[in-house]
Amino acid sequence: MNTFKTSRTIALISFSIGTILFLLQAINKGLSTVTVIGFNYVKVAIIVNSLVFIILLFTLFLSKQKLETIKSIGIILLNIPIAFLYYQIVIHNLI
């Protein structure tokens, strides 16, 4: 499996797990075990996605496949506004 396919898979898995946790939180409403799991998941996802991002940055400078690398970086970065939106909605509903 190459770096590009791996990074896209990680981005898709991060998005999918985050969305499932968000939907479970929306169903449960209020502070629950899902909330705690969700916040801990966000911490882990930030670390994993940051490492993938750093690897892709190195790949960008070392690889001849610049366009493919930039696309993979874009996909990883798309998770940031989605996670932020989910976070804002959850926090707003907890207060």
C-alpha atoms as a PDB file:
ATOM      1  CA  MET A   1       0.000   0.000   0.000  1.00  0.00           C
ATOM      2  CA  ASN A   2       1.506   3.332  -0.971  1.00  0.00           C
ATOM      3  CA  THR A   3       1.619   6.519   1.086  1.00  0.00           C
ATOM      4  CA  PHE A   4      -1.208   8.157  -0.842  1.00  0.00           C
ATOM      5  CA  LYS A   5      -3.653   5.286  -0.483  1.00  0.00           C
ATOM      6  CA  THR A   6      -2.756   4.878   3.195  1.00  0.00           C
ATOM      7  CA  SER A   7      -3.265   8.568   3.964  1.00  0.00           C
ATOM      8  CA  ARG A   8      -6.628   8.619   2.187  1.00  0.00           C
ATOM      9  CA  THR A   9      -7.721   5.494   4.035  1.00  0.00           C
ATOM     10  CA  ILE A  10      -6.732   7.040   7.375  1.00  0.00           C
ATOM     11  CA  ALA A  11      -8.632  10.228   6.506  1.00  0.00           C
ATOM     12  CA  LEU A  12     -11.740   8.232   5.551  1.00  0.00           C
ATOM     13  CA  ILE A  13     -11.560   6.100   8.702  1.00  0.00           C
ATOM     14  CA  SER A  14     -11.098   9.211  10.870  1.00  0.00           C
ATOM     15  CA  PHE A  15     -14.081  10.867   9.222  1.00  0.00           C
ATOM     16  CA  SER A  16     -16.245   7.745   9.527  1.00  0.00           C
ATOM     17  CA  ILE A  17     -15.497   7.095  13.199  1.00  0.00           C
ATOM     18  CA  GLY A  18     -15.937  10.792  14.020  1.00  0.00           C
ATOM     19  CA  THR A  19     -19.277  10.908  12.224  1.00  0.00           C
ATOM     20  CA  ILE A  20     -20.520   7.755  13.957  1.00  0.00           C
ATOM     21  CA  LEU A  21     -19.547   9.178  17.356  1.00  0.00           C
ATOM     22  CA  PHE A  22     -21.193  12.495  16.475  1.00  0.00           C
ATOM     23  CA  LEU A  23     -24.435  10.754  15.479  1.00  0.00           C
ATOM     24  CA  LEU A  24     -24.403   8.646  18.654  1.00  0.00           C
ATOM     25  CA  GLN A  25     -23.902  11.839  20.660  1.00  0.00           C
ATOM     26  CA  ALA A  26     -26.821  13.470  18.847  1.00  0.00           C
ATOM     27  CA  ILE A  27     -29.034  10.502  19.697  1.00  0.00           C
ATOM     28  CA  ASN A  28     -27.966  10.336  23.366  1.00  0.00           C
ATOM     29  CA  LYS A  29     -28.060  14.091  24.058  1.00  0.00           C
ATOM     30  CA  GLY A  30     -26.208  15.494  27.027  1.00  0.00           C
ATOM     31  CA  LEU A  31     -23.056  14.333  28.761  1.00  0.00           C
ATOM     32  CA  SER A  32     -22.604  10.580  28.409  1.00  0.00           C
ATOM     33  CA  THR A  33     -20.020   7.875  27.869  1.00  0.00           C
ATOM     34  CA  VAL A  34     -20.212   8.639  24.151  1.00  0.00           C
ATOM     35  CA  THR A  35     -19.162  12.224  24.896  1.00  0.00           C
ATOM     36  CA  VAL A  36     -16.075  11.072  26.784  1.00  0.00           C
ATOM     37  CA  ILE A  37     -15.193   8.522  24.109  1.00  0.00           C
ATOM     38  CA  GLY A  38     -15.698  11.215  21.440  1.00  0.00           C
ATOM     39  CA  PHE A  39     -13.413  13.732  23.106  1.00  0.00           C
ATOM     40  CA  ASN A  40     -10.736  11.077  23.622  1.00  0.00           C
ATOM     41  CA  TYR A  41     -11.139   9.967  20.022  1.00  0.00           C
ATOM     42  CA  VAL A  42     -10.554  13.539  18.849  1.00  0.00           C
ATOM     43  CA  LYS A  43      -7.258  13.624  20.760  1.00  0.00           C
ATOM     44  CA  VAL A  44      -6.096  10.373  19.162  1.00  0.00           C
ATOM     45  CA  ALA A  45      -7.304  11.444  15.710  1.00  0.00           C
ATOM     46  CA  ILE A  46      -5.391  14.726  15.978  1.00  0.00           C
ATOM     47  CA  ILE A  47      -2.178  12.858  16.749  1.00  0.00           C
ATOM     48  CA  VAL A  48      -2.633  10.246  13.997  1.00  0.00           C
ATOM     49  CA  ASN A  49      -3.711  12.742  11.336  1.00  0.00           C
ATOM     50  CA  SER A  50      -0.908  15.135  12.293  1.00  0.00           C
ATOM     51  CA  LEU A  51       1.663  12.377  11.859  1.00  0.00           C
ATOM     52  CA  VAL A  52       0.206  11.491   8.466  1.00  0.00           C
ATOM     53  CA  PHE A  53       0.237  15.181   7.515  1.00  0.00           C
ATOM     54  CA  ILE A  54       3.916  15.508   8.488  1.00  0.00           C
ATOM     55  CA  ILE A  55       4.799  12.391   6.500  1.00  0.00           C
ATOM     56  CA  LEU A  56       2.953  13.815   3.495  1.00  0.00           C
ATOM     57  CA  LEU A  57       4.831  17.117   3.825  1.00  0.00           C
ATOM     58  CA  PHE A  58       8.133  15.259   3.700  1.00  0.00           C
ATOM     59  CA  THR A  59       6.826  13.244   0.758  1.00  0.00           C
ATOM     60  CA  LEU A  60       5.869  16.465  -1.000  1.00  0.00           C
ATOM     61  CA  PHE A  61       9.446  17.672  -0.943  1.00  0.00           C
ATOM     62  CA  LEU A  62      11.050  14.312  -1.687  1.00  0.00           C
ATOM     63  CA  SER A  63       8.643  12.806  -4.208  1.00  0.00           C
ATOM     64  CA  LYS A  64       8.132  13.515  -7.860  1.00  0.00           C
ATOM     65  CA  GLN A  65       4.384  12.916  -7.473  1.00  0.00           C
ATOM     66  CA  LYS A  66       3.633  16.406  -6.176  1.00  0.00           C
ATOM     67  CA  LEU A  67       0.017  16.618  -7.387  1.00  0.00           C
ATOM     68  CA  GLU A  68      -0.863  13.253  -5.818  1.00  0.00           C
ATOM     69  CA  THR A  69       0.749  14.353  -2.540  1.00  0.00           C
ATOM     70  CA  ILE A  70      -1.107  17.676  -2.524  1.00  0.00           C
ATOM     71  CA  LYS A  71      -4.413  15.855  -3.086  1.00  0.00           C
ATOM     72  CA  SER A  72      -3.673  13.550  -0.146  1.00  0.00           C
ATOM     73  CA  ILE A  73      -2.777  16.525   2.063  1.00  0.00           C
ATOM     74  CA  GLY A  74      -6.052  18.195   1.053  1.00  0.00           C
ATOM     75  CA  ILE A  75      -8.059  15.121   1.994  1.00  0.00           C
ATOM     76  CA  ILE A  76      -6.385  14.930   5.400  1.00  0.00           C
ATOM     77  CA  LEU A  77      -6.991  18.666   5.957  1.00  0.00           C
ATOM     78  CA  LEU A  78     -10.697  18.352   5.052  1.00  0.00           C
ATOM     79  CA  ASN A  79     -11.258  16.566   8.356  1.00  0.00           C
ATOM     80  CA  ILE A  80     -10.337  19.711  10.319  1.00  0.00           C
ATOM     81  CA  PRO A  81     -13.408  21.861   9.530  1.00  0.00           C
ATOM     82  CA  ILE A  82     -15.704  18.846   9.835  1.00  0.00           C
ATOM     83  CA  ALA A  83     -14.303  17.944  13.269  1.00  0.00           C
ATOM     84  CA  PHE A  84     -14.534  21.585  14.340  1.00  0.00           C
ATOM     85  CA  LEU A  85     -18.190  21.754  13.263  1.00  0.00           C
ATOM     86  CA  TYR A  86     -19.018  18.530  15.123  1.00  0.00           C
ATOM     87  CA  TYR A  87     -17.206  19.842  18.207  1.00  0.00           C
ATOM     88  CA  GLN A  88     -19.093  23.149  18.131  1.00  0.00           C
ATOM     89  CA  ILE A  89     -22.449  21.412  17.813  1.00  0.00           C
ATOM     90  CA  VAL A  90     -21.698  19.004  20.667  1.00  0.00           C
ATOM     91  CA  ILE A  91     -20.410  21.750  22.978  1.00  0.00           C
ATOM     92  CA  HIS A  92     -23.381  23.984  22.156  1.00  0.00           C
ATOM     93  CA  ASN A  93     -25.802  21.160  22.990  1.00  0.00           C
ATOM     94  CA  LEU A  94     -24.024  20.331  26.264  1.00  0.00           C
ATOM     95  CA  ILE A  95     -24.248  23.882  27.600  1.00  0.00           C
END
